[in-house]
All heavy atoms as atom14 arrays in JSON, in Angstrom:
{
  "sequence": "GREEVRWDALSRVEIVTTDDGPFAEDFFWLLVGDDGGGVCVG",
  "atom14_mask": [
    [1, 1, 1, 1, 0, 0, 0, 0, 0, 0, 0, 0, 0, 0],
    [1, 1, 1, 1, 1, 1, 1, 1, 1, 1, 1, 0, 0, 0],
    [1, 1, 1, 1, 1, 1, 1, 1, 1, 0, 0, 0, 0, 0],
    [1, 1, 1, 1, 1, 1, 1, 1, 1, 0, 0, 0, 0, 0],
    [1, 1, 1, 1, 1, 1, 1, 0, 0, 0, 0, 0, 0, 0],
    [1, 1, 1, 1, 1, 1, 1, 1, 1, 1, 1, 0, 0, 0],
    [1, 1, 1, 1, 1, 1, 1, 1, 1, 1, 1, 1, 1, 1],
    [1, 1, 1, 1, 1, 1, 1, 1, 0, 0, 0, 0, 0, 0],
    [1, 1, 1, 1, 1, 0, 0, 0, 0, 0, 0, 0, 0, 0],
    [1, 1, 1, 1, 1, 1, 1, 1, 0, 0, 0, 0, 0, 0],
    [1, 1, 1, 1, 1, 1, 0, 0, 0, 0, 0, 0, 0, 0],
    [1, 1, 1, 1, 1, 1, 1, 1, 1, 1, 1, 0, 0, 0],
    [1, 1, 1, 1, 1, 1, 1, 0, 0, 0, 0, 0, 0, 0],
    [1, 1, 1, 1, 1, 1, 1, 1, 1, 0, 0, 0, 0, 0],
    [1, 1, 1, 1, 1, 1, 1, 1, 0, 0, 0, 0, 0, 0],
    [1, 1, 1, 1, 1, 1, 1, 0, 0, 0, 0, 0, 0, 0],
    [1, 1, 1, 1, 1, 1, 1, 0, 0, 0, 0, 0, 0, 0],
    [1, 1, 1, 1, 1, 1, 1, 0, 0, 0, 0, 0, 0, 0],
    [1, 1, 1, 1, 1, 1, 1, 1, 0, 0, 0, 0, 0, 0],
    [1, 1, 1, 1, 1, 1, 1, 1, 0, 0, 0, 0, 0, 0],
    [1, 1, 1, 1, 0, 0, 0, 0, 0, 0, 0, 0, 0, 0],
    [1, 1, 1, 1, 1, 1, 1, 0, 0, 0, 0, 0, 0, 0],
    [1, 1, 1, 1, 1, 1, 1, 1, 1, 1, 1, 0, 0, 0],
    [1, 1, 1, 1, 1, 0, 0, 0, 0, 0, 0, 0, 0, 0],
    [1, 1, 1, 1, 1, 1, 1, 1, 1, 0, 0, 0, 0, 0],
    [1, 1, 1, 1, 1, 1, 1, 1, 0, 0, 0, 0, 0, 0],
    [1, 1, 1, 1, 1, 1, 1, 1, 1, 1, 1, 0, 0, 0],
    [1, 1, 1, 1, 1, 1, 1, 1, 1, 1, 1, 0, 0, 0],
    [1, 1, 1, 1, 1, 1, 1, 1, 1, 1, 1, 1, 1, 1],
    [1, 1, 1, 1, 1, 1, 1, 1, 0, 0, 0, 0, 0, 0],
    [1, 1, 1, 1, 1, 1, 1, 1, 0, 0, 0, 0, 0, 0],
    [1, 1, 1, 1, 1, 1, 1, 0, 0, 0, 0, 0, 0, 0],
    [1, 1, 1, 1, 0, 0, 0, 0, 0, 0, 0, 0, 0, 0],
    [1, 1, 1, 1, 1, 1, 1, 1, 0, 0, 0, 0, 0, 0],
    [1, 1, 1, 1, 1, 1, 1, 1, 0, 0, 0, 0, 0, 0],
    [1, 1, 1, 1, 0, 0, 0, 0, 0, 0, 0, 0, 0, 0],
    [1, 1, 1, 1, 0, 0, 0, 0, 0, 0, 0, 0, 0, 0],
    [1, 1, 1, 1, 0, 0, 0, 0, 0, 0, 0, 0, 0, 0],
    [1, 1, 1, 1, 1, 1, 1, 0, 0, 0, 0, 0, 0, 0],
    [1, 1, 1, 1, 1, 1, 0, 0, 0, 0, 0, 0, 0, 0],
    [1, 1, 1, 1, 1, 1, 1, 0, 0, 0, 0, 0, 0, 0],
    [1, 1, 1, 1, 0, 0, 0, 0, 0, 0, 0, 0, 0, 0]
  ],
  "atom14_positions": [
    [[0.79, -1.22, 0.0], [0.0, 0.0, 0.0], [0.82, 1.27, 0.0], [1.94, 1.3, -0.52], [0.0, 0.0, 0.0], [0.0, 0.0, 0.0], [0.0, 0.0, 0.0], [0.0, 0.0, 0.0], [0.0, 0.0, 0.0], [0.0, 0.0, 0.0], [0.0, 0.0, 0.0], [0.0, 0.0, 0.0], [0.0, 0.0, 0.0], [0.0, 0.0, 0.0]],
    [[0.25, 2.28, 0.61], [0.87, 3.61, 0.62], [0.78, 4.2, 2.03], [-0.23, 4.04, 2.71], [0.11, 4.51, -0.34], [0.65, 5.9, -0.44], [-0.09, 6.67, -1.53], [0.56, 7.92, -1.8], [0.03, 9.1, -1.52], [-1.17, 9.17, -0.98], [0.68, 10.19, -1.79], [0.0, 0.0, 0.0], [0.0, 0.0, 0.0], [0.0, 0.0, 0.0]],
    [[1.85, 4.86, 2.43], [1.89, 5.59, 3.7], [2.26, 7.03, 3.37], [3.04, 7.27, 2.44], [2.97, 5.04, 4.63], [2.83, 3.59, 4.97], [4.04, 3.07, 5.75], [5.16, 3.6, 5.58], [3.84, 2.14, 6.52], [0.0, 0.0, 0.0], [0.0, 0.0, 0.0], [0.0, 0.0, 0.0], [0.0, 0.0, 0.0], [0.0, 0.0, 0.0]],
    [[1.7, 7.97, 4.13], [2.1, 9.35, 3.91], [1.84, 10.18, 5.14], [1.0, 9.84, 5.98], [1.37, 9.96, 2.71], [-0.1, 10.16, 2.92], [-0.76, 10.8, 1.71], [-0.19, 11.76, 1.15], [-1.85, 10.34, 1.34], [0.0, 0.0, 0.0], [0.0, 0.0, 0.0], [0.0, 0.0, 0.0], [0.0, 0.0, 0.0], [0.0, 0.0, 0.0]],
    [[2.57, 11.28, 5.25], [2.33, 12.28, 6.29], [2.69, 13.64, 5.7], [3.7, 13.78, 5.01], [3.12, 11.97, 7.58], [4.61, 12.07, 7.38], [2.67, 12.85, 8.73], [0.0, 0.0, 0.0], [0.0, 0.0, 0.0], [0.0, 0.0, 0.0], [0.0, 0.0, 0.0], [0.0, 0.0, 0.0], [0.0, 0.0, 0.0], [0.0, 0.0, 0.0]],
    [[1.84, 14.6, 5.95], [2.09, 15.97, 5.51], [2.91, 16.68, 6.58], [2.75, 16.41, 7.78], [0.77, 16.7, 5.28], [-0.06, 16.14, 4.15], [-1.36, 16.91, 3.97], [-1.14, 18.35, 3.87], [-0.91, 18.99, 2.72], [-0.89, 18.33, 1.58], [-0.72, 20.29, 2.73], [0.0, 0.0, 0.0], [0.0, 0.0, 0.0], [0.0, 0.0, 0.0]],
    [[3.79, 17.59, 6.15], [4.6, 18.33, 7.11], [3.71, 19.09, 8.1], [4.02, 19.13, 9.29], [5.53, 19.32, 6.4], [6.58, 18.68, 5.57], [6.78, 18.85, 4.22], [7.61, 17.77, 5.98], [7.84, 18.1, 3.79], [8.38, 17.43, 4.86], [7.94, 17.2, 7.21], [9.46, 16.57, 4.92], [9.03, 16.33, 7.27], [9.77, 16.02, 6.14]],
    [[2.62, 19.67, 7.61], [1.77, 20.47, 8.5], [0.93, 19.63, 9.46], [0.29, 20.16, 10.35], [0.88, 21.43, 7.71], [-0.06, 20.74, 6.74], [-0.12, 19.48, 6.71], [-0.77, 21.46, 6.01], [0.0, 0.0, 0.0], [0.0, 0.0, 0.0], [0.0, 0.0, 0.0], [0.0, 0.0, 0.0], [0.0, 0.0, 0.0], [0.0, 0.0, 0.0]],
    [[0.96, 18.31, 9.29], [0.22, 17.41, 10.19], [1.16, 16.54, 11.03], [0.7, 15.7, 11.81], [-0.71, 16.51, 9.38], [0.0, 0.0, 0.0], [0.0, 0.0, 0.0], [0.0, 0.0, 0.0], [0.0, 0.0, 0.0], [0.0, 0.0, 0.0], [0.0, 0.0, 0.0], [0.0, 0.0, 0.0], [0.0, 0.0, 0.0], [0.0, 0.0, 0.0]],
    [[2.46, 16.74, 10.89], [3.43, 15.93, 11.63], [3.35, 16.25, 13.11], [3.41, 17.42, 13.51], [4.84, 16.22, 11.09], [5.95, 15.3, 11.55], [5.73, 13.88, 11.04], [7.29, 15.82, 11.07], [0.0, 0.0, 0.0], [0.0, 0.0, 0.0], [0.0, 0.0, 0.0], [0.0, 0.0, 0.0], [0.0, 0.0, 0.0], [0.0, 0.0, 0.0]],
    [[3.2, 15.22, 13.95], [3.08, 15.45, 15.39], [4.3, 14.96, 16.17], [4.58, 15.47, 17.25], [1.82, 14.8, 15.95], [1.87, 13.4, 15.82], [0.0, 0.0, 0.0], [0.0, 0.0, 0.0], [0.0, 0.0, 0.0], [0.0, 0.0, 0.0], [0.0, 0.0, 0.0], [0.0, 0.0, 0.0], [0.0, 0.0, 0.0], [0.0, 0.0, 0.0]],
    [[5.02, 13.97, 15.65], [6.24, 13.52, 16.32], [7.09, 12.68, 15.36], [6.59, 12.15, 14.38], [5.93, 12.72, 17.59], [5.43, 11.33, 17.4], [5.22, 10.63, 18.77], [4.84, 9.26, 18.57], [3.61, 8.84, 18.32], [2.62, 9.69, 18.23], [3.36, 7.56, 18.16], [0.0, 0.0, 0.0], [0.0, 0.0, 0.0], [0.0, 0.0, 0.0]],
    [[8.37, 12.58, 15.7], [9.32, 11.77, 14.94], [10.06, 10.9, 15.94], [10.58, 11.39, 16.94], [10.3, 12.65, 14.14], [11.31, 11.77, 13.4], [9.56, 13.55, 13.16], [0.0, 0.0, 0.0], [0.0, 0.0, 0.0], [0.0, 0.0, 0.0], [0.0, 0.0, 0.0], [0.0, 0.0, 0.0], [0.0, 0.0, 0.0], [0.0, 0.0, 0.0]],
    [[10.09, 9.61, 15.66], [10.81, 8.66, 16.5], [11.78, 7.86, 15.64], [11.6, 7.74, 14.42], [9.85, 7.66, 17.15], [8.85, 8.28, 18.09], [7.93, 7.23, 18.69], [8.38, 6.11, 18.99], [6.75, 7.56, 18.88], [0.0, 0.0, 0.0], [0.0, 0.0, 0.0], [0.0, 0.0, 0.0], [0.0, 0.0, 0.0], [0.0, 0.0, 0.0]],
    [[12.77, 7.3, 16.28], [13.64, 6.32, 15.64], [13.46, 5.03, 16.41], [13.49, 5.01, 17.64], [15.12, 6.75, 15.66], [15.32, 8.01, 14.83], [16.01, 5.61, 15.14], [16.7, 8.62, 14.94], [0.0, 0.0, 0.0], [0.0, 0.0, 0.0], [0.0, 0.0, 0.0], [0.0, 0.0, 0.0], [0.0, 0.0, 0.0], [0.0, 0.0, 0.0]],
    [[13.26, 3.94, 15.67], [13.14, 2.61, 16.27], [14.35, 1.8, 15.81], [14.68, 1.78, 14.62], [11.84, 1.91, 15.82], [11.79, 0.48, 16.32], [10.63, 2.7, 16.3], [0.0, 0.0, 0.0], [0.0, 0.0, 0.0], [0.0, 0.0, 0.0], [0.0, 0.0, 0.0], [0.0, 0.0, 0.0], [0.0, 0.0, 0.0], [0.0, 0.0, 0.0]],
    [[15.02, 1.18, 16.77], [16.15, 0.31, 16.44], [15.81, -1.12, 16.85], [15.01, -1.35, 17.74], [17.44, 0.76, 17.16], [17.24, 0.71, 18.58], [17.84, 2.16, 16.74], [0.0, 0.0, 0.0], [0.0, 0.0, 0.0], [0.0, 0.0, 0.0], [0.0, 0.0, 0.0], [0.0, 0.0, 0.0], [0.0, 0.0, 0.0], [0.0, 0.0, 0.0]],
    [[16.43, -2.06, 16.16], [16.26, -3.48, 16.47], [17.64, -4.11, 16.65], [18.67, -3.45, 16.45], [15.51, -4.23, 15.35], [16.39, -4.38, 14.21], [14.24, -3.5, 14.94], [0.0, 0.0, 0.0], [0.0, 0.0, 0.0], [0.0, 0.0, 0.0], [0.0, 0.0, 0.0], [0.0, 0.0, 0.0], [0.0, 0.0, 0.0], [0.0, 0.0, 0.0]],
    [[17.66, -5.38, 16.97], [18.93, -6.11, 17.06], [19.13, -7.02, 15.85], [19.86, -7.99, 15.91], [19.02, -6.9, 18.37], [17.87, -7.87, 18.56], [17.01, -8.0, 17.66], [17.81, -8.51, 19.62], [0.0, 0.0, 0.0], [0.0, 0.0, 0.0], [0.0, 0.0, 0.0], [0.0, 0.0, 0.0], [0.0, 0.0, 0.0], [0.0, 0.0, 0.0]],
    [[18.51, -6.67, 14.71], [18.58, -7.5, 13.5], [19.85, -7.26, 12.68], [20.15, -8.04, 11.79], [17.37, -7.25, 12.61], [16.08, -7.74, 13.23], [16.14, -8.63, 14.09], [15.02, -7.22, 12.85], [0.0, 0.0, 0.0], [0.0, 0.0, 0.0], [0.0, 0.0, 0.0], [0.0, 0.0, 0.0], [0.0, 0.0, 0.0], [0.0, 0.0, 0.0]],
    [[20.58, -6.18, 12.92], [21.77, -5.86, 12.11], [22.92, -6.79, 12.42], [22.83, -7.62, 13.32], [0.0, 0.0, 0.0], [0.0, 0.0, 0.0], [0.0, 0.0, 0.0], [0.0, 0.0, 0.0], [0.0, 0.0, 0.0], [0.0, 0.0, 0.0], [0.0, 0.0, 0.0], [0.0, 0.0, 0.0], [0.0, 0.0, 0.0], [0.0, 0.0, 0.0]],
    [[23.98, -6.77, 11.69], [24.27, -5.82, 10.63], [23.83, -6.26, 9.24], [24.01, -5.52, 8.28], [25.78, -5.7, 10.69], [26.24, -7.07, 11.06], [25.17, -7.58, 12.01], [0.0, 0.0, 0.0], [0.0, 0.0, 0.0], [0.0, 0.0, 0.0], [0.0, 0.0, 0.0], [0.0, 0.0, 0.0], [0.0, 0.0, 0.0], [0.0, 0.0, 0.0]],
    [[23.25, -7.43, 9.09], [22.93, -7.92, 7.76], [21.47, -7.71, 7.38], [21.03, -8.13, 6.32], [23.31, -9.41, 7.63], [24.77, -9.63, 7.85], [25.24, -10.24, 9.0], [25.7, -9.17, 6.94], [26.59, -10.43, 9.22], [27.07, -9.33, 7.14], [27.5, -9.97, 8.28], [0.0, 0.0, 0.0], [0.0, 0.0, 0.0], [0.0, 0.0, 0.0]],
    [[20.72, -7.06, 8.24], [19.32, -6.72, 7.97], [19.08, -5.29, 8.47], [19.81, -4.8, 9.33], [18.38, -7.69, 8.68], [0.0, 0.0, 0.0], [0.0, 0.0, 0.0], [0.0, 0.0, 0.0], [0.0, 0.0, 0.0], [0.0, 0.0, 0.0], [0.0, 0.0, 0.0], [0.0, 0.0, 0.0], [0.0, 0.0, 0.0], [0.0, 0.0, 0.0]],
    [[18.07, -4.66, 7.93], [17.71, -3.3, 8.37], [17.42, -3.31, 9.86], [16.69, -4.16, 10.36], [16.49, -2.83, 7.6], [16.14, -1.39, 7.81], [17.06, -0.43, 7.08], [17.03, -0.4, 5.85], [17.81, 0.29, 7.77], [0.0, 0.0, 0.0], [0.0, 0.0, 0.0], [0.0, 0.0, 0.0], [0.0, 0.0, 0.0], [0.0, 0.0, 0.0]],
    [[18.01, -2.37, 10.6], [17.82, -2.33, 12.05], [17.62, -0.91, 12.58], [17.75, -0.66, 13.78], [18.98, -3.01, 12.77], [20.32, -2.33, 12.54], [20.4, -1.41, 11.71], [21.29, -2.72, 13.21], [0.0, 0.0, 0.0], [0.0, 0.0, 0.0], [0.0, 0.0, 0.0], [0.0, 0.0, 0.0], [0.0, 0.0, 0.0], [0.0, 0.0, 0.0]],
    [[17.28, 0.04, 11.7], [17.14, 1.44, 12.05], [16.0, 2.02, 11.22], [16.04, 1.96, 9.98], [18.45, 2.17, 11.73], [18.53, 3.58, 12.21], [19.19, 3.89, 13.38], [17.98, 4.62, 11.47], [19.3, 5.21, 13.82], [18.08, 5.93, 11.89], [18.75, 6.22, 13.08], [0.0, 0.0, 0.0], [0.0, 0.0, 0.0], [0.0, 0.0, 0.0]],
    [[14.96, 2.54, 11.89], [13.78, 3.01, 11.18], [13.33, 4.36, 11.73], [13.27, 4.55, 12.95], [12.62, 2.02, 11.34], [12.95, 0.65, 10.85], [13.5, -0.29, 11.71], [12.73, 0.29, 9.53], [13.82, -1.57, 11.27], [13.05, -0.98, 9.07], [13.59, -1.91, 9.95], [0.0, 0.0, 0.0], [0.0, 0.0, 0.0], [0.0, 0.0, 0.0]],
    [[13.01, 5.28, 10.85], [12.41, 6.56, 11.2], [10.9, 6.41, 11.16], [10.35, 5.9, 10.17], [12.8, 7.64, 10.2], [14.24, 8.03, 10.23], [15.26, 7.42, 9.56], [14.81, 9.11, 10.94], [16.43, 8.06, 9.83], [16.19, 9.11, 10.67], [14.29, 10.08, 11.79], [17.06, 10.05, 11.21], [15.14, 11.03, 12.33], [16.52, 11.01, 12.04]],
    [[10.21, 6.83, 12.21], [8.75, 6.86, 12.23], [8.31, 8.32, 12.23], [8.6, 9.05, 13.18], [8.19, 6.16, 13.47], [8.53, 4.7, 13.66], [7.88, 4.19, 14.95], [8.08, 3.87, 12.48], [0.0, 0.0, 0.0], [0.0, 0.0, 0.0], [0.0, 0.0, 0.0], [0.0, 0.0, 0.0], [0.0, 0.0, 0.0], [0.0, 0.0, 0.0]],
    [[7.65, 8.73, 11.18], [7.11, 10.08, 11.07], [5.62, 9.96, 11.28], [4.92, 9.37, 10.45], [7.43, 10.7, 9.72], [8.91, 11.04, 9.51], [9.7, 9.82, 9.1], [9.05, 12.13, 8.49], [0.0, 0.0, 0.0], [0.0, 0.0, 0.0], [0.0, 0.0, 0.0], [0.0, 0.0, 0.0], [0.0, 0.0, 0.0], [0.0, 0.0, 0.0]],
    [[5.14, 10.45, 12.42], [3.76, 10.21, 12.85], [2.94, 11.49, 12.7], [3.34, 12.55, 13.19], [3.72, 9.71, 14.31], [2.29, 9.43, 14.74], [4.6, 8.47, 14.47], [0.0, 0.0, 0.0], [0.0, 0.0, 0.0], [0.0, 0.0, 0.0], [0.0, 0.0, 0.0], [0.0, 0.0, 0.0], [0.0, 0.0, 0.0], [0.0, 0.0, 0.0]],
    [[1.77, 11.35, 12.06], [0.88, 12.48, 11.89], [-0.07, 12.63, 13.05], [-0.22, 11.74, 13.89], [0.0, 0.0, 0.0], [0.0, 0.0, 0.0], [0.0, 0.0, 0.0], [0.0, 0.0, 0.0], [0.0, 0.0, 0.0], [0.0, 0.0, 0.0], [0.0, 0.0, 0.0], [0.0, 0.0, 0.0], [0.0, 0.0, 0.0], [0.0, 0.0, 0.0]],
    [[-0.75, 13.78, 13.09], [-1.67, 14.03, 14.19], [-2.9, 13.12, 14.17], [-3.62, 13.04, 15.16], [-2.07, 15.51, 14.26], [-2.62, 16.04, 12.95], [-3.02, 15.26, 12.07], [-2.64, 17.28, 12.8], [0.0, 0.0, 0.0], [0.0, 0.0, 0.0], [0.0, 0.0, 0.0], [0.0, 0.0, 0.0], [0.0, 0.0, 0.0], [0.0, 0.0, 0.0]],
    [[-3.11, 12.39, 13.08], [-4.21, 11.43, 13.01], [-3.77, 10.02, 13.43], [-4.55, 9.08, 13.38], [-4.8, 11.38, 11.6], [-3.81, 10.87, 10.56], [-2.62, 10.64, 10.89], [-4.23, 10.71, 9.39], [0.0, 0.0, 0.0], [0.0, 0.0, 0.0], [0.0, 0.0, 0.0], [0.0, 0.0, 0.0], [0.0, 0.0, 0.0], [0.0, 0.0, 0.0]],
    [[-2.49, 9.86, 13.83], [-1.97, 8.56, 14.23], [-1.34, 7.79, 13.1], [-0.62, 6.83, 13.33], [0.0, 0.0, 0.0], [0.0, 0.0, 0.0], [0.0, 0.0, 0.0], [0.0, 0.0, 0.0], [0.0, 0.0, 0.0], [0.0, 0.0, 0.0], [0.0, 0.0, 0.0], [0.0, 0.0, 0.0], [0.0, 0.0, 0.0], [0.0, 0.0, 0.0]],
    [[-1.6, 8.18, 11.86], [-0.97, 7.54, 10.7], [0.41, 8.12, 10.49], [0.85, 9.01, 11.23], [0.0, 0.0, 0.0], [0.0, 0.0, 0.0], [0.0, 0.0, 0.0], [0.0, 0.0, 0.0], [0.0, 0.0, 0.0], [0.0, 0.0, 0.0], [0.0, 0.0, 0.0], [0.0, 0.0, 0.0], [0.0, 0.0, 0.0], [0.0, 0.0, 0.0]],
    [[1.08, 7.65, 9.48], [2.39, 8.2, 9.18], [3.18, 7.32, 8.24], [2.63, 6.51, 7.52], [0.0, 0.0, 0.0], [0.0, 0.0, 0.0], [0.0, 0.0, 0.0], [0.0, 0.0, 0.0], [0.0, 0.0, 0.0], [0.0, 0.0, 0.0], [0.0, 0.0, 0.0], [0.0, 0.0, 0.0], [0.0, 0.0, 0.0], [0.0, 0.0, 0.0]],
    [[4.49, 7.5, 8.3], [5.4, 6.81, 7.39], [6.55, 6.22, 8.19], [7.1, 6.86, 9.08], [5.97, 7.8, 6.33], [6.94, 7.1, 5.41], [4.85, 8.44, 5.53], [0.0, 0.0, 0.0], [0.0, 0.0, 0.0], [0.0, 0.0, 0.0], [0.0, 0.0, 0.0], [0.0, 0.0, 0.0], [0.0, 0.0, 0.0], [0.0, 0.0, 0.0]],
    [[6.91, 5.0, 7.84], [8.09, 4.34, 8.38], [9.15, 4.32, 7.28], [8.9, 3.82, 6.19], [7.74, 2.91, 8.82], [9.16, 1.99, 9.45], [0.0, 0.0, 0.0], [0.0, 0.0, 0.0], [0.0, 0.0, 0.0], [0.0, 0.0, 0.0], [0.0, 0.0, 0.0], [0.0, 0.0, 0.0], [0.0, 0.0, 0.0], [0.0, 0.0, 0.0]],
    [[10.32, 4.9, 7.57], [11.39, 4.98, 6.59], [12.6, 4.24, 7.13], [13.11, 4.58, 8.21], [11.76, 6.45, 6.3], [12.87, 6.52, 5.26], [10.54, 7.24, 5.85], [0.0, 0.0, 0.0], [0.0, 0.0, 0.0], [0.0, 0.0, 0.0], [0.0, 0.0, 0.0], [0.0, 0.0, 0.0], [0.0, 0.0, 0.0], [0.0, 0.0, 0.0]],
    [[13.07, 3.24, 6.4], [14.27, 2.51, 6.79], [15.5, 3.4, 6.71], [15.53, 4.39, 5.97], [0.0, 0.0, 0.0], [0.0, 0.0, 0.0], [0.0, 0.0, 0.0], [0.0, 0.0, 0.0], [0.0, 0.0, 0.0], [0.0, 0.0, 0.0], [0.0, 0.0, 0.0], [0.0, 0.0, 0.0], [0.0, 0.0, 0.0], [0.0, 0.0, 0.0]]
  ]
}
């Protein structure tokens, strides 16, 4: 599907880390909108 967040609706930014590295993605940006939706960026 599709994820999106508008700059004017952004309510918080988090980083989530895992212990899956170094051979798998283990760092993710969560851009969360004021409606609870948002985008996860590796």
